[in-house]
Protein backbone atom coordinates (compact mmCIF):
# COMPACT_ATOMS: atom_id res chain seq x y z
CA UNK A 1 83.96 117.95 34.42
CA UNK A 2 87.46 119.37 34.50
CA UNK A 3 89.62 118.35 37.45
CA UNK A 4 92.13 121.10 38.00
CA UNK A 5 95.07 121.34 40.36
CA UNK A 6 93.17 124.08 42.18
CA UNK A 7 90.20 121.75 42.75
CA UNK A 8 92.49 119.03 44.14
CA UNK A 9 94.14 121.60 46.41
CA UNK A 10 90.75 122.83 47.69
CA UNK A 11 89.44 119.28 48.27
CA UNK A 12 92.58 118.30 50.15
CA UNK A 13 92.34 121.45 52.27
CA UNK A 14 88.69 120.73 53.08
CA UNK A 15 89.54 117.13 53.99
CA UNK A 16 92.63 118.35 55.89
CA UNK A 17 94.86 116.01 53.90
CA UNK A 18 98.59 116.52 53.72
CA UNK A 19 99.99 115.65 50.30
CA UNK A 20 102.91 116.19 47.99
CA UNK A 21 102.79 116.88 44.25
CA UNK A 22 103.08 113.19 43.33
CA UNK A 23 100.13 112.29 45.58
CA UNK A 24 98.13 115.24 44.23
CA UNK A 25 98.65 113.97 40.69
CA UNK A 26 97.52 110.47 41.71
CA UNK A 27 94.43 111.96 43.41
CA UNK A 28 93.67 113.96 40.27
CA UNK A 29 93.83 110.83 38.09
CA UNK A 30 91.69 108.82 40.52
CA UNK A 31 89.07 111.57 40.67
CA UNK A 32 89.00 111.82 36.86
CA UNK A 33 88.43 108.04 36.62
CA UNK A 34 85.60 108.19 39.19
CA UNK A 35 83.86 111.04 37.39
CA UNK A 36 84.21 109.24 34.04
CA UNK A 37 82.53 106.19 35.61
CA UNK A 38 79.66 108.31 36.98
CA UNK A 39 79.22 109.89 33.54
CA UNK A 40 78.84 106.38 32.09
CA UNK A 41 76.12 105.64 34.64
CA UNK A 42 74.31 108.84 33.65
CA UNK A 43 73.97 107.45 30.11
CA UNK A 44 71.96 104.41 31.27
CA UNK A 45 68.26 104.62 30.36
CA UNK A 46 66.31 104.29 33.60
CA UNK A 47 62.91 105.11 32.15
CA UNK A 48 60.26 103.19 34.09
CA UNK A 49 62.66 102.00 36.78
CA UNK A 50 61.34 102.74 40.24
CA UNK A 51 63.87 104.03 42.76
CA UNK A 52 64.93 101.54 45.42
CA UNK A 53 64.12 102.26 49.02
CA UNK A 54 65.52 98.94 50.26
CA UNK A 55 68.06 96.72 48.51
CA UNK A 56 66.14 93.59 49.49
CA UNK A 57 62.53 92.78 48.64
CA UNK A 58 61.53 93.42 52.23
CA UNK A 59 62.85 95.84 54.82
CA UNK A 60 65.05 94.48 57.55
CA UNK A 61 63.11 93.77 60.72
CA UNK A 62 63.86 96.25 63.45
CA UNK A 63 64.41 95.30 67.03
CA UNK A 64 62.77 97.02 69.95
CA UNK A 65 64.78 100.05 70.99
CA UNK A 66 64.97 99.44 74.70
CA UNK A 67 67.31 101.56 76.81
CA UNK A 68 69.37 99.46 79.15
CA UNK A 69 72.56 100.04 81.02
CA UNK A 70 75.19 97.46 80.21
CA UNK A 71 78.08 98.87 82.24
CA UNK A 72 78.25 101.51 84.91
CA UNK A 73 79.65 104.96 84.32
CA UNK A 74 82.62 104.15 86.52
CA UNK A 75 83.38 100.99 84.52
CA UNK A 76 83.24 102.93 81.25
CA UNK A 77 85.53 105.66 82.55
CA UNK A 78 87.99 103.11 83.94
CA UNK A 79 88.36 101.62 80.42
CA UNK A 80 89.48 104.93 78.91
CA UNK A 81 93.23 105.42 78.51
CA UNK A 82 92.98 108.97 79.92
CA UNK A 83 90.36 110.03 82.41
CA UNK A 84 89.78 111.83 85.65
CA UNK A 85 87.20 110.94 88.28
CA UNK A 86 84.12 111.60 86.16
CA UNK A 87 85.14 112.44 82.57
CA UNK A 88 87.05 111.09 79.59
CA UNK A 89 90.14 113.16 78.82
CA UNK A 90 90.73 113.84 75.13
CA UNK A 91 93.27 115.98 73.27
CA UNK A 92 92.15 119.55 72.56
CA UNK A 93 90.48 120.15 69.20
CA UNK A 94 92.42 122.51 66.96
CA UNK A 95 90.47 124.69 64.56
């Protein structure tokens, strides 16, 4: 797969990354190395190998999902750096 400057520019725009030309070149080299590694993995013969669902021989035991209130709403709001009487205050989201 060819990693072009245009692809790096599009990926950085999608990820909302700010970069200069030196950083873009480093990103391009890193991405080329990652893709070369994945291409090596694609060459491994996996005939007869079952896909893993869990990394261990047995799934991790799950705990009961019991809803419980650990702190009150007022306590949670009082911990926030910015809040009014009932809500957390956050900076506006820019699109």
